[in-house]
N, C-alpha and C. Protein backbone atom coordinates (compact mmCIF):
# COMPACT_ATOMS: atom_id res chain seq x y z
N UNK A 1 18.01 17.61 -14.43
CA UNK A 1 18.97 18.68 -14.53
C UNK A 1 19.67 18.58 -15.88
N UNK A 2 19.63 19.62 -16.67
CA UNK A 2 20.20 19.56 -18.00
C UNK A 2 21.61 20.18 -18.02
N UNK A 3 22.37 19.82 -19.06
CA UNK A 3 23.72 20.30 -19.19
C UNK A 3 23.83 21.80 -19.43
N UNK A 4 24.07 22.17 -18.88
CA UNK A 4 24.10 23.39 -18.95
C UNK A 4 24.38 23.52 -18.91
N UNK A 5 38.52 28.28 -13.24
CA UNK A 5 39.82 28.74 -12.83
C UNK A 5 40.72 28.94 -14.00
N UNK A 6 40.92 30.00 -14.18
CA UNK A 6 41.95 30.24 -15.18
C UNK A 6 43.26 29.64 -14.69
N UNK A 7 43.99 29.02 -15.58
CA UNK A 7 45.31 28.52 -15.23
C UNK A 7 46.31 29.32 -16.05
N UNK A 8 46.47 30.57 -15.63
CA UNK A 8 47.35 31.46 -16.37
C UNK A 8 46.79 31.85 -17.72
N UNK A 9 45.44 31.79 -17.87
CA UNK A 9 44.82 32.04 -19.17
C UNK A 9 43.80 33.15 -19.02
N UNK A 10 43.91 34.18 -19.83
CA UNK A 10 42.93 35.25 -19.84
C UNK A 10 41.79 34.83 -20.75
N UNK A 11 40.66 34.50 -20.17
CA UNK A 11 39.53 34.05 -20.98
C UNK A 11 38.72 35.19 -21.54
N UNK A 12 38.97 36.42 -21.07
CA UNK A 12 38.18 37.55 -21.52
C UNK A 12 36.82 37.61 -20.86
N UNK A 13 36.62 36.90 -19.75
CA UNK A 13 35.30 36.79 -19.14
C UNK A 13 35.15 37.62 -17.88
N UNK A 14 36.18 38.37 -17.50
CA UNK A 14 36.20 38.96 -16.18
C UNK A 14 35.21 40.10 -16.00
N UNK A 15 34.82 40.80 -17.07
CA UNK A 15 34.03 42.02 -16.93
C UNK A 15 32.71 41.94 -17.66
N UNK A 16 32.07 40.77 -17.65
CA UNK A 16 30.87 40.59 -18.44
C UNK A 16 29.58 40.84 -17.67
N UNK A 17 29.54 41.87 -16.84
CA UNK A 17 28.26 42.27 -16.27
C UNK A 17 27.43 42.89 -17.39
N UNK A 18 26.19 42.51 -17.53
CA UNK A 18 25.45 42.87 -18.74
C UNK A 18 25.05 44.34 -18.80
N UNK A 19 25.28 44.95 -19.94
CA UNK A 19 24.69 46.24 -20.27
C UNK A 19 23.51 45.93 -21.17
N UNK A 20 22.32 45.95 -20.60
CA UNK A 20 21.14 45.47 -21.33
C UNK A 20 20.77 46.40 -22.48
N UNK A 21 21.31 47.61 -22.48
CA UNK A 21 21.01 48.53 -23.57
C UNK A 21 21.88 48.27 -24.79
N UNK A 22 22.86 47.40 -24.66
CA UNK A 22 23.83 47.23 -25.73
C UNK A 22 24.01 45.78 -26.17
N UNK A 23 23.10 44.91 -25.80
CA UNK A 23 23.21 43.52 -26.23
C UNK A 23 22.83 43.41 -27.70
N UNK A 24 23.61 42.68 -28.50
CA UNK A 24 23.31 42.60 -29.93
C UNK A 24 22.01 41.86 -30.20
N UNK A 25 21.14 42.51 -30.93
CA UNK A 25 19.83 41.97 -31.29
C UNK A 25 19.70 42.08 -32.81
N UNK A 26 19.52 40.97 -33.53
CA UNK A 26 19.65 41.00 -34.98
C UNK A 26 18.39 41.34 -35.77
N UNK A 27 17.26 41.57 -35.10
CA UNK A 27 16.01 41.78 -35.82
C UNK A 27 15.52 43.21 -35.68
N UNK A 28 15.65 43.98 -36.72
CA UNK A 28 15.13 45.34 -36.72
C UNK A 28 13.61 45.30 -36.69
N UNK A 29 13.02 46.14 -35.85
CA UNK A 29 11.57 46.20 -35.77
C UNK A 29 10.95 45.18 -34.83
N UNK A 30 11.77 44.39 -34.17
CA UNK A 30 11.25 43.37 -33.25
C UNK A 30 11.69 43.64 -31.82
N UNK A 31 11.80 44.92 -31.48
CA UNK A 31 12.29 45.28 -30.15
C UNK A 31 11.34 44.83 -29.04
N UNK A 32 10.04 44.76 -29.34
CA UNK A 32 9.10 44.29 -28.32
C UNK A 32 9.39 42.84 -27.94
N UNK A 33 9.75 42.02 -28.92
CA UNK A 33 10.12 40.63 -28.64
C UNK A 33 11.40 40.57 -27.83
N UNK A 34 12.37 41.39 -28.21
CA UNK A 34 13.62 41.46 -27.43
C UNK A 34 13.32 41.80 -25.98
N UNK A 35 12.48 42.79 -25.76
CA UNK A 35 12.18 43.20 -24.39
C UNK A 35 11.44 42.11 -23.62
N UNK A 36 10.60 41.35 -24.31
CA UNK A 36 9.91 40.23 -23.68
C UNK A 36 10.91 39.17 -23.24
N UNK A 37 11.90 38.90 -24.07
CA UNK A 37 12.94 37.94 -23.71
C UNK A 37 13.78 38.45 -22.55
N UNK A 38 14.13 39.73 -22.59
CA UNK A 38 14.90 40.30 -21.48
C UNK A 38 14.15 40.19 -20.17
N UNK A 39 12.84 40.40 -20.21
CA UNK A 39 12.04 40.27 -19.00
C UNK A 39 12.07 38.84 -18.47
N UNK A 40 12.07 37.86 -19.39
CA UNK A 40 12.14 36.46 -18.96
C UNK A 40 13.47 36.17 -18.28
N UNK A 41 14.56 36.65 -18.87
CA UNK A 41 15.88 36.42 -18.28
C UNK A 41 16.04 37.15 -16.95
N UNK A 42 15.33 38.27 -16.78
CA UNK A 42 15.45 39.06 -15.56
C UNK A 42 14.58 38.55 -14.42
N UNK A 43 13.86 37.47 -14.63
CA UNK A 43 13.01 36.90 -13.57
C UNK A 43 13.85 36.68 -12.31
N UNK A 44 13.43 37.21 -11.18
CA UNK A 44 14.24 37.10 -9.96
C UNK A 44 14.43 35.68 -9.45
N UNK A 45 13.64 34.75 -9.94
CA UNK A 45 13.80 33.36 -9.50
C UNK A 45 15.01 32.69 -10.15
N UNK A 46 15.57 33.32 -11.17
CA UNK A 46 16.71 32.73 -11.85
C UNK A 46 18.00 32.98 -11.08
N UNK A 47 18.91 32.01 -11.19
CA UNK A 47 20.24 32.17 -10.63
C UNK A 47 21.22 32.42 -11.75
N UNK A 48 21.84 31.33 -12.24
CA UNK A 48 22.80 31.48 -13.32
C UNK A 48 22.15 31.90 -14.63
N UNK A 49 21.00 31.37 -14.96
CA UNK A 49 20.41 31.52 -16.30
C UNK A 49 19.62 32.81 -16.44
N UNK A 50 20.23 33.91 -16.05
CA UNK A 50 19.62 35.23 -16.13
C UNK A 50 20.30 36.11 -17.17
N UNK A 51 20.14 37.41 -17.01
CA UNK A 51 20.65 38.34 -18.01
C UNK A 51 22.18 38.32 -18.11
N UNK A 52 22.86 38.06 -17.00
CA UNK A 52 24.32 38.00 -17.07
C UNK A 52 24.76 36.85 -17.97
N UNK A 53 24.11 35.71 -17.83
CA UNK A 53 24.45 34.57 -18.69
C UNK A 53 24.17 34.89 -20.15
N UNK A 54 23.03 35.49 -20.43
CA UNK A 54 22.73 35.88 -21.81
C UNK A 54 23.81 36.79 -22.35
N UNK A 55 24.21 37.80 -21.58
CA UNK A 55 25.24 38.73 -22.03
C UNK A 55 26.57 38.03 -22.27
N UNK A 56 26.91 37.08 -21.40
CA UNK A 56 28.17 36.36 -21.56
C UNK A 56 28.16 35.48 -22.81
N UNK A 57 27.05 34.80 -23.07
CA UNK A 57 26.97 33.97 -24.27
C UNK A 57 27.11 34.84 -25.52
N UNK A 58 26.44 35.98 -25.55
CA UNK A 58 26.54 36.87 -26.70
C UNK A 58 27.96 37.41 -26.85
N UNK A 59 28.62 37.72 -25.73
CA UNK A 59 30.00 38.20 -25.79
C UNK A 59 30.94 37.12 -26.30
N UNK A 60 30.72 35.88 -25.90
CA UNK A 60 31.57 34.80 -26.38
C UNK A 60 31.35 34.53 -27.87
N UNK A 61 30.13 34.72 -28.34
CA UNK A 61 29.90 34.59 -29.79
C UNK A 61 30.66 35.67 -30.55
N UNK A 62 30.68 36.88 -30.02
CA UNK A 62 31.49 37.93 -30.64
C UNK A 62 32.97 37.57 -30.61
N UNK A 63 33.42 37.00 -29.49
CA UNK A 63 34.82 36.59 -29.37
C UNK A 63 35.15 35.52 -30.41
N UNK A 64 34.27 34.56 -30.57
CA UNK A 64 34.49 33.51 -31.57
C UNK A 64 34.57 34.10 -32.97
N UNK A 65 33.66 35.02 -33.29
CA UNK A 65 33.68 35.64 -34.61
C UNK A 65 34.98 36.41 -34.83
N UNK A 66 35.41 37.14 -33.81
CA UNK A 66 36.65 37.91 -33.93
C UNK A 66 37.86 37.00 -34.12
N UNK A 67 37.77 35.78 -33.61
CA UNK A 67 38.86 34.82 -33.74
C UNK A 67 38.80 34.05 -35.06
N UNK A 68 37.82 34.35 -35.89
CA UNK A 68 37.73 33.72 -37.20
C UNK A 68 36.77 32.55 -37.29
N UNK A 69 35.99 32.30 -36.24
CA UNK A 69 35.00 31.23 -36.28
C UNK A 69 33.83 31.65 -37.16
N UNK A 70 33.49 30.83 -38.13
CA UNK A 70 32.40 31.16 -39.05
C UNK A 70 31.08 30.58 -38.55
N UNK A 71 30.05 31.39 -38.56
CA UNK A 71 28.70 30.91 -38.26
C UNK A 71 27.72 31.93 -38.84
N UNK A 72 26.47 31.52 -38.98
CA UNK A 72 25.43 32.40 -39.52
C UNK A 72 24.92 33.29 -38.40
N UNK A 73 25.25 34.56 -38.48
CA UNK A 73 25.07 35.46 -37.34
C UNK A 73 23.61 35.56 -36.88
N UNK A 74 22.68 35.79 -37.79
CA UNK A 74 21.30 36.04 -37.36
C UNK A 74 20.69 34.85 -36.62
N UNK A 75 20.69 33.64 -37.19
CA UNK A 75 20.07 32.53 -36.44
C UNK A 75 20.83 32.18 -35.16
N UNK A 76 22.15 32.31 -35.17
CA UNK A 76 22.90 31.95 -33.96
C UNK A 76 22.65 32.97 -32.85
N UNK A 77 22.63 34.25 -33.19
CA UNK A 77 22.32 35.24 -32.16
C UNK A 77 20.90 35.06 -31.63
N UNK A 78 19.97 34.82 -32.52
CA UNK A 78 18.60 34.59 -32.06
C UNK A 78 18.51 33.34 -31.18
N UNK A 79 19.23 32.30 -31.55
CA UNK A 79 19.23 31.09 -30.72
C UNK A 79 19.84 31.37 -29.35
N UNK A 80 20.86 32.21 -29.30
CA UNK A 80 21.42 32.60 -28.01
C UNK A 80 20.37 33.30 -27.14
N UNK A 81 19.62 34.19 -27.75
CA UNK A 81 18.57 34.90 -27.01
C UNK A 81 17.47 33.94 -26.53
N UNK A 82 17.15 32.94 -27.33
CA UNK A 82 16.04 32.05 -26.98
C UNK A 82 16.48 30.82 -26.18
N UNK A 83 17.78 30.52 -26.10
CA UNK A 83 18.17 29.19 -25.63
C UNK A 83 17.77 28.93 -24.18
N UNK A 84 17.69 29.98 -23.36
CA UNK A 84 17.20 29.84 -21.99
C UNK A 84 16.01 30.76 -21.76
N UNK A 85 15.25 31.03 -22.81
CA UNK A 85 14.09 31.91 -22.66
C UNK A 85 13.12 31.36 -21.63
N UNK A 86 12.98 30.05 -21.59
CA UNK A 86 12.24 29.38 -20.53
C UNK A 86 13.26 28.65 -19.66
N UNK A 87 13.25 28.92 -18.37
CA UNK A 87 14.16 28.19 -17.48
C UNK A 87 13.54 28.12 -16.10
N UNK A 88 13.13 26.91 -15.71
CA UNK A 88 12.49 26.72 -14.40
C UNK A 88 12.96 25.45 -13.72
N UNK A 89 14.10 24.93 -14.16
CA UNK A 89 14.63 23.73 -13.51
C UNK A 89 14.02 22.43 -13.96
N UNK A 90 13.09 22.49 -14.92
CA UNK A 90 12.47 21.27 -15.43
C UNK A 90 13.18 20.81 -16.70
N UNK A 91 13.02 19.52 -17.02
CA UNK A 91 13.81 18.91 -18.09
C UNK A 91 13.45 19.41 -19.49
N UNK A 92 12.25 19.90 -19.68
CA UNK A 92 11.84 20.26 -21.03
C UNK A 92 11.98 21.76 -21.31
N UNK A 93 12.80 22.47 -20.55
CA UNK A 93 12.92 23.92 -20.73
C UNK A 93 13.43 24.28 -22.12
N UNK A 94 14.39 23.52 -22.63
CA UNK A 94 14.90 23.81 -23.97
C UNK A 94 13.82 23.63 -25.03
N UNK A 95 13.01 22.59 -24.88
CA UNK A 95 11.92 22.36 -25.83
C UNK A 95 10.92 23.51 -25.78
N UNK A 96 10.58 23.95 -24.60
CA UNK A 96 9.63 25.05 -24.48
C UNK A 96 10.23 26.36 -25.00
N UNK A 97 11.53 26.55 -24.82
CA UNK A 97 12.21 27.73 -25.38
C UNK A 97 12.18 27.69 -26.91
N UNK A 98 12.43 26.51 -27.47
CA UNK A 98 12.39 26.36 -28.93
C UNK A 98 10.98 26.61 -29.46
N UNK A 99 9.98 26.12 -28.74
CA UNK A 99 8.60 26.34 -29.16
C UNK A 99 8.24 27.82 -29.12
N UNK A 100 8.73 28.53 -28.12
CA UNK A 100 8.53 29.98 -28.06
C UNK A 100 9.11 30.64 -29.32
N UNK A 101 10.32 30.25 -29.68
CA UNK A 101 10.93 30.80 -30.89
C UNK A 101 10.08 30.50 -32.13
N UNK A 102 9.60 29.28 -32.22
CA UNK A 102 8.78 28.89 -33.37
C UNK A 102 7.47 29.68 -33.43
N UNK A 103 6.95 30.04 -32.27
CA UNK A 103 5.70 30.80 -32.23
C UNK A 103 5.92 32.29 -32.47
N UNK A 104 7.03 32.83 -31.97
CA UNK A 104 7.23 34.28 -31.96
C UNK A 104 7.93 34.82 -33.20
N UNK A 105 8.78 34.02 -33.83
CA UNK A 105 9.65 34.55 -34.88
C UNK A 105 9.03 34.63 -36.28
N UNK A 106 8.03 33.85 -36.65
CA UNK A 106 7.56 33.87 -38.04
C UNK A 106 7.13 35.23 -38.57
N UNK A 107 6.67 36.12 -37.72
CA UNK A 107 6.27 37.45 -38.19
C UNK A 107 7.46 38.38 -38.37
N UNK A 108 8.65 37.93 -37.98
CA UNK A 108 9.82 38.80 -38.03
C UNK A 108 10.92 38.31 -38.97
N UNK A 109 10.89 37.04 -39.37
CA UNK A 109 11.97 36.52 -40.20
C UNK A 109 11.45 35.34 -41.02
N UNK A 110 12.31 34.82 -41.89
CA UNK A 110 11.89 33.79 -42.84
C UNK A 110 11.81 32.41 -42.19
N UNK A 111 11.08 31.47 -42.81
CA UNK A 111 10.90 30.14 -42.20
C UNK A 111 12.20 29.38 -41.98
N UNK A 112 13.17 29.52 -42.87
CA UNK A 112 14.43 28.80 -42.69
C UNK A 112 15.15 29.28 -41.44
N UNK A 113 15.13 30.58 -41.19
CA UNK A 113 15.77 31.10 -39.98
C UNK A 113 15.04 30.63 -38.74
N UNK A 114 13.72 30.64 -38.77
CA UNK A 114 12.94 30.16 -37.62
C UNK A 114 13.31 28.70 -37.32
N UNK A 115 13.36 27.88 -38.35
CA UNK A 115 13.68 26.46 -38.15
C UNK A 115 15.08 26.28 -37.59
N UNK A 116 16.03 27.07 -38.08
CA UNK A 116 17.40 26.94 -37.59
C UNK A 116 17.52 27.40 -36.15
N UNK A 117 16.85 28.47 -35.81
CA UNK A 117 16.88 28.94 -34.41
C UNK A 117 16.33 27.85 -33.49
N UNK A 118 15.20 27.27 -33.85
CA UNK A 118 14.60 26.23 -33.00
C UNK A 118 15.53 25.01 -32.89
N UNK A 119 16.13 24.62 -34.00
CA UNK A 119 17.07 23.49 -33.97
C UNK A 119 18.23 23.76 -33.02
N UNK A 120 18.78 24.96 -33.10
CA UNK A 120 19.92 25.30 -32.25
C UNK A 120 19.55 25.36 -30.78
N UNK A 121 18.38 25.90 -30.48
CA UNK A 121 17.94 25.94 -29.09
C UNK A 121 17.82 24.51 -28.54
N UNK A 122 17.22 23.62 -29.32
CA UNK A 122 17.08 22.23 -28.85
C UNK A 122 18.45 21.57 -28.67
N UNK A 123 19.41 21.94 -29.48
CA UNK A 123 20.75 21.37 -29.37
C UNK A 123 21.41 21.68 -28.03
N UNK A 124 21.05 22.82 -27.41
CA UNK A 124 21.71 23.19 -26.15
C UNK A 124 21.30 22.31 -24.98
N UNK A 125 20.34 21.41 -25.19
CA UNK A 125 20.02 20.48 -24.10
C UNK A 125 21.17 19.51 -23.86
N UNK A 126 21.85 19.10 -24.93
CA UNK A 126 22.92 18.10 -24.82
C UNK A 126 24.31 18.62 -25.17
N UNK A 127 24.37 19.71 -25.93
CA UNK A 127 25.66 20.26 -26.36
C UNK A 127 26.50 19.22 -27.11
N UNK A 128 25.87 18.60 -28.10
CA UNK A 128 26.58 17.60 -28.90
C UNK A 128 26.42 17.89 -30.40
N UNK A 129 26.88 19.05 -30.85
CA UNK A 129 26.78 19.35 -32.28
C UNK A 129 27.72 18.47 -33.10
N UNK A 130 27.33 18.17 -34.31
CA UNK A 130 28.21 17.46 -35.22
C UNK A 130 29.37 18.37 -35.62
N UNK A 131 30.53 17.81 -35.93
CA UNK A 131 31.69 18.65 -36.29
C UNK A 131 31.42 19.61 -37.44
N UNK A 132 30.60 19.22 -38.39
CA UNK A 132 30.32 20.07 -39.55
C UNK A 132 29.22 21.10 -39.28
N UNK A 133 28.65 21.08 -38.08
CA UNK A 133 27.57 22.00 -37.73
C UNK A 133 28.18 23.28 -37.16
N UNK A 134 28.55 24.20 -38.05
CA UNK A 134 29.25 25.41 -37.62
C UNK A 134 28.41 26.24 -36.66
N UNK A 135 27.13 26.38 -36.95
CA UNK A 135 26.26 27.16 -36.07
C UNK A 135 26.11 26.49 -34.70
N UNK A 136 25.90 25.18 -34.71
CA UNK A 136 25.76 24.46 -33.46
C UNK A 136 27.03 24.49 -32.62
N UNK A 137 28.18 24.34 -33.27
CA UNK A 137 29.44 24.37 -32.55
C UNK A 137 29.68 25.73 -31.90
N UNK A 138 29.38 26.79 -32.63
CA UNK A 138 29.58 28.14 -32.08
C UNK A 138 28.67 28.38 -30.89
N UNK A 139 27.39 28.06 -31.01
CA UNK A 139 26.47 28.29 -29.90
C UNK A 139 26.80 27.41 -28.70
N UNK A 140 27.09 26.14 -28.94
CA UNK A 140 27.43 25.23 -27.85
C UNK A 140 28.66 25.73 -27.10
N UNK A 141 29.69 26.13 -27.82
CA UNK A 141 30.91 26.61 -27.17
C UNK A 141 30.65 27.88 -26.36
N UNK A 142 29.87 28.79 -26.94
CA UNK A 142 29.58 30.03 -26.21
C UNK A 142 28.80 29.74 -24.93
N UNK A 143 27.87 28.81 -25.00
CA UNK A 143 27.06 28.46 -23.83
C UNK A 143 27.90 27.78 -22.75
N UNK A 144 28.82 26.92 -23.17
CA UNK A 144 29.65 26.18 -22.21
C UNK A 144 30.87 26.96 -21.74
N UNK A 145 31.13 28.11 -22.31
CA UNK A 145 32.36 28.84 -21.99
C UNK A 145 32.44 29.24 -20.52
N UNK A 146 31.31 29.31 -19.82
CA UNK A 146 31.33 29.61 -18.38
C UNK A 146 32.17 28.60 -17.63
N UNK A 147 32.29 27.38 -18.15
CA UNK A 147 33.10 26.36 -17.48
C UNK A 147 34.56 26.74 -17.41
N UNK A 148 35.00 27.63 -18.29
CA UNK A 148 36.40 28.05 -18.34
C UNK A 148 36.65 29.36 -17.62
N UNK A 149 35.68 29.86 -16.90
CA UNK A 149 35.81 31.14 -16.23
C UNK A 149 36.87 31.09 -15.14
N UNK A 150 37.43 32.22 -14.75
CA UNK A 150 38.32 32.26 -13.59
C UNK A 150 37.65 31.66 -12.36
N UNK A 151 38.44 31.17 -11.45
CA UNK A 151 37.91 30.36 -10.34
C UNK A 151 36.79 31.06 -9.58
N UNK A 152 36.96 32.33 -9.25
CA UNK A 152 35.93 33.04 -8.48
C UNK A 152 34.62 33.11 -9.25
N UNK A 153 34.71 33.40 -10.55
CA UNK A 153 33.49 33.47 -11.36
C UNK A 153 32.87 32.08 -11.51
N UNK A 154 33.70 31.05 -11.65
CA UNK A 154 33.17 29.70 -11.75
C UNK A 154 32.42 29.32 -10.47
N UNK A 155 32.97 29.67 -9.33
CA UNK A 155 32.31 29.34 -8.08
C UNK A 155 30.99 30.10 -7.93
N UNK A 156 30.94 31.34 -8.42
CA UNK A 156 29.68 32.09 -8.44
C UNK A 156 28.65 31.36 -9.30
N UNK A 157 29.10 30.89 -10.44
CA UNK A 157 28.22 30.17 -11.36
C UNK A 157 27.66 28.91 -10.71
N UNK A 158 28.51 28.13 -10.04
CA UNK A 158 28.05 26.90 -9.39
C UNK A 158 27.01 27.22 -8.31
N UNK A 159 27.27 28.26 -7.52
CA UNK A 159 26.31 28.65 -6.48
C UNK A 159 25.00 29.12 -7.08
N UNK A 160 25.07 29.82 -8.21
CA UNK A 160 23.86 30.32 -8.86
C UNK A 160 23.03 29.17 -9.44
N UNK A 161 23.70 28.17 -10.00
CA UNK A 161 22.98 27.00 -10.48
C UNK A 161 22.30 26.28 -9.32
N UNK A 162 23.02 26.15 -8.21
CA UNK A 162 22.42 25.48 -7.04
C UNK A 162 21.16 26.20 -6.60
N UNK A 163 21.17 27.53 -6.65
CA UNK A 163 19.99 28.29 -6.20
C UNK A 163 18.77 28.02 -7.08
N UNK A 164 19.01 27.67 -8.34
CA UNK A 164 17.90 27.37 -9.25
C UNK A 164 17.26 26.02 -8.96
N UNK A 165 17.97 25.19 -8.22
CA UNK A 165 17.46 23.87 -7.86
C UNK A 165 17.28 23.77 -6.34
N UNK A 166 16.87 24.89 -5.75
CA UNK A 166 16.70 24.92 -4.30
C UNK A 166 15.64 23.94 -3.83
N UNK A 167 14.76 23.53 -4.73
CA UNK A 167 13.72 22.58 -4.36
C UNK A 167 14.25 21.16 -4.21
N UNK A 168 15.49 20.93 -4.63
CA UNK A 168 16.09 19.60 -4.50
C UNK A 168 16.94 19.52 -3.24
N UNK A 169 16.99 18.36 -2.63
CA UNK A 169 17.89 18.16 -1.50
C UNK A 169 19.34 18.18 -2.00
N UNK A 170 20.26 18.39 -1.09
CA UNK A 170 21.67 18.48 -1.47
C UNK A 170 22.14 17.20 -2.16
N UNK A 171 21.74 16.04 -1.64
CA UNK A 171 22.24 14.80 -2.24
C UNK A 171 21.66 14.57 -3.63
N UNK A 172 20.40 14.90 -3.82
CA UNK A 172 19.78 14.73 -5.14
C UNK A 172 20.42 15.71 -6.13
N UNK A 173 20.59 16.96 -5.72
CA UNK A 173 21.22 17.93 -6.61
C UNK A 173 22.64 17.50 -6.97
N UNK A 174 23.41 17.11 -5.96
CA UNK A 174 24.81 16.74 -6.20
C UNK A 174 24.92 15.57 -7.17
N UNK A 175 24.04 14.58 -7.01
CA UNK A 175 24.07 13.43 -7.91
C UNK A 175 23.74 13.85 -9.34
N UNK A 176 22.74 14.70 -9.50
CA UNK A 176 22.37 15.17 -10.83
C UNK A 176 23.44 16.04 -11.45
N UNK A 177 24.01 16.91 -10.65
CA UNK A 177 25.08 17.79 -11.14
C UNK A 177 26.28 16.96 -11.57
N UNK A 178 26.66 15.99 -10.79
CA UNK A 178 27.79 15.14 -11.14
C UNK A 178 27.53 14.39 -12.44
N UNK A 179 26.30 13.92 -12.61
CA UNK A 179 25.96 13.21 -13.84
C UNK A 179 26.11 14.11 -15.06
N UNK A 180 25.65 15.36 -14.94
CA UNK A 180 25.76 16.31 -16.05
C UNK A 180 27.22 16.58 -16.38
N UNK A 181 28.01 16.87 -15.35
CA UNK A 181 29.42 17.21 -15.59
C UNK A 181 30.20 16.03 -16.15
N UNK A 182 29.92 14.84 -15.66
CA UNK A 182 30.64 13.66 -16.18
C UNK A 182 30.25 13.38 -17.63
N UNK A 183 28.99 13.61 -17.96
CA UNK A 183 28.57 13.40 -19.35
C UNK A 183 29.26 14.39 -20.28
N UNK A 184 29.38 15.63 -19.84
CA UNK A 184 30.06 16.64 -20.66
C UNK A 184 31.53 16.32 -20.84
N UNK A 185 32.20 15.97 -19.76
CA UNK A 185 33.65 15.77 -19.83
C UNK A 185 34.03 14.40 -20.35
N UNK A 186 33.06 13.50 -20.54
CA UNK A 186 33.37 12.20 -21.13
C UNK A 186 33.74 12.33 -22.60
N UNK A 187 33.29 13.39 -23.24
CA UNK A 187 33.63 13.61 -24.64
C UNK A 187 35.12 13.94 -24.76
N UNK A 188 35.73 13.56 -25.87
CA UNK A 188 37.16 13.87 -26.03
C UNK A 188 37.45 15.36 -25.92
N UNK A 189 36.48 16.18 -26.37
CA UNK A 189 36.65 17.63 -26.31
C UNK A 189 35.34 18.27 -25.87
N UNK A 190 35.43 19.16 -24.89
CA UNK A 190 34.27 19.92 -24.46
C UNK A 190 33.85 20.92 -25.53
N UNK A 191 34.85 21.51 -26.19
CA UNK A 191 34.61 22.61 -27.12
C UNK A 191 34.89 22.15 -28.54
N UNK A 192 34.06 22.64 -29.47
CA UNK A 192 34.08 22.14 -30.84
C UNK A 192 34.72 23.10 -31.83
N UNK A 193 34.91 24.36 -31.44
CA UNK A 193 35.58 25.31 -32.33
C UNK A 193 37.06 25.34 -32.00
N UNK A 194 37.86 25.77 -32.97
CA UNK A 194 39.31 25.86 -32.73
C UNK A 194 39.61 26.83 -31.60
N UNK A 195 38.94 27.97 -31.59
CA UNK A 195 39.17 28.95 -30.54
C UNK A 195 38.76 28.40 -29.18
N UNK A 196 37.63 27.72 -29.13
CA UNK A 196 37.20 27.15 -27.87
C UNK A 196 38.17 26.13 -27.32
N UNK A 197 38.68 25.28 -28.21
CA UNK A 197 39.64 24.27 -27.76
C UNK A 197 40.93 24.92 -27.26
N UNK A 198 41.37 25.96 -27.94
CA UNK A 198 42.63 26.61 -27.57
C UNK A 198 42.50 27.41 -26.28
N UNK A 199 41.40 28.15 -26.14
CA UNK A 199 41.27 29.11 -25.04
C UNK A 199 40.54 28.56 -23.82
N UNK A 200 39.60 27.65 -24.02
CA UNK A 200 38.70 27.29 -22.93
C UNK A 200 38.82 25.84 -22.47
N UNK A 201 39.35 24.96 -23.29
CA UNK A 201 39.33 23.53 -22.95
C UNK A 201 40.06 23.24 -21.64
N UNK A 202 41.30 23.67 -21.53
CA UNK A 202 42.09 23.33 -20.34
C UNK A 202 41.52 23.93 -19.06
N UNK A 203 41.23 25.25 -19.01
CA UNK A 203 40.68 25.78 -17.76
C UNK A 203 39.32 25.19 -17.42
N UNK A 204 38.52 24.87 -18.42
CA UNK A 204 37.22 24.26 -18.14
C UNK A 204 37.40 22.90 -17.47
N UNK A 205 38.31 22.09 -17.98
CA UNK A 205 38.51 20.77 -17.38
C UNK A 205 39.09 20.87 -15.97
N UNK A 206 39.92 21.87 -15.73
CA UNK A 206 40.44 22.08 -14.38
C UNK A 206 39.30 22.43 -13.43
N UNK A 207 38.45 23.36 -13.83
CA UNK A 207 37.32 23.76 -13.00
C UNK A 207 36.38 22.60 -12.72
N UNK A 208 36.03 21.85 -13.77
CA UNK A 208 35.07 20.76 -13.61
C UNK A 208 35.67 19.65 -12.74
N UNK A 209 36.94 19.34 -12.94
CA UNK A 209 37.57 18.31 -12.11
C UNK A 209 37.57 18.72 -10.63
N UNK A 210 37.80 19.98 -10.36
CA UNK A 210 37.78 20.47 -8.99
C UNK A 210 36.39 20.36 -8.40
N UNK A 211 35.38 20.72 -9.18
CA UNK A 211 34.01 20.60 -8.67
C UNK A 211 33.62 19.15 -8.45
N UNK A 212 33.95 18.29 -9.42
CA UNK A 212 33.60 16.88 -9.28
C UNK A 212 34.27 16.24 -8.08
N UNK A 213 35.46 16.70 -7.73
CA UNK A 213 36.16 16.13 -6.59
C UNK A 213 35.37 16.32 -5.29
N UNK A 214 34.49 17.34 -5.28
CA UNK A 214 33.68 17.58 -4.10
C UNK A 214 32.28 17.02 -4.19
N UNK A 215 31.98 16.28 -5.24
CA UNK A 215 30.65 15.69 -5.44
C UNK A 215 30.71 14.18 -5.26
N UNK A 216 29.56 13.53 -5.08
CA UNK A 216 29.57 12.08 -4.86
C UNK A 216 30.21 11.33 -6.04
N UNK A 217 30.88 10.24 -5.72
CA UNK A 217 31.53 9.43 -6.77
C UNK A 217 30.48 8.72 -7.61
């Protein structure tokens, strides 16, 4: 299993049901690739890692940019689109997603962008960008921002993740989930951007602590 309640804080996450016709896509002339990715996210076997998650990550990237967070828009947006392009509950999903990007993007963009997209997708397996990695920090924060969602949305997210691991017994899933959450929260800061630390750090830790309290020690 990979890493993957508002306390009086408006996170801006309450209305992020995806409008698939309006998701930002940075490559002109590559709409067929966009539609292929959308079809992957729309797979009915997915729980959390579907089109709603994609839309929320893209919305949080816009929020970060509006708050003054600097990142390279084209590779970061493409990495957001590819970061869960493959998702089947297996440990190498991020690697396979990055490989898809490496295979699909060269006809649409330059080699440096392809390499950066693949690097960023692989980074989402652990969410441990270096402080100077502006692109990695932005993508990691946007991906983890679900942890700071209002309580009802957070509980939906937890249930949706559980549905993706329906093949695991409750005790195996709970142990793996607890390991992931403890690894994330062991870091001094969950979020690496100034906006993420200000807006999402506290509610995320409240949500995760509440979930961990119900999981095995």
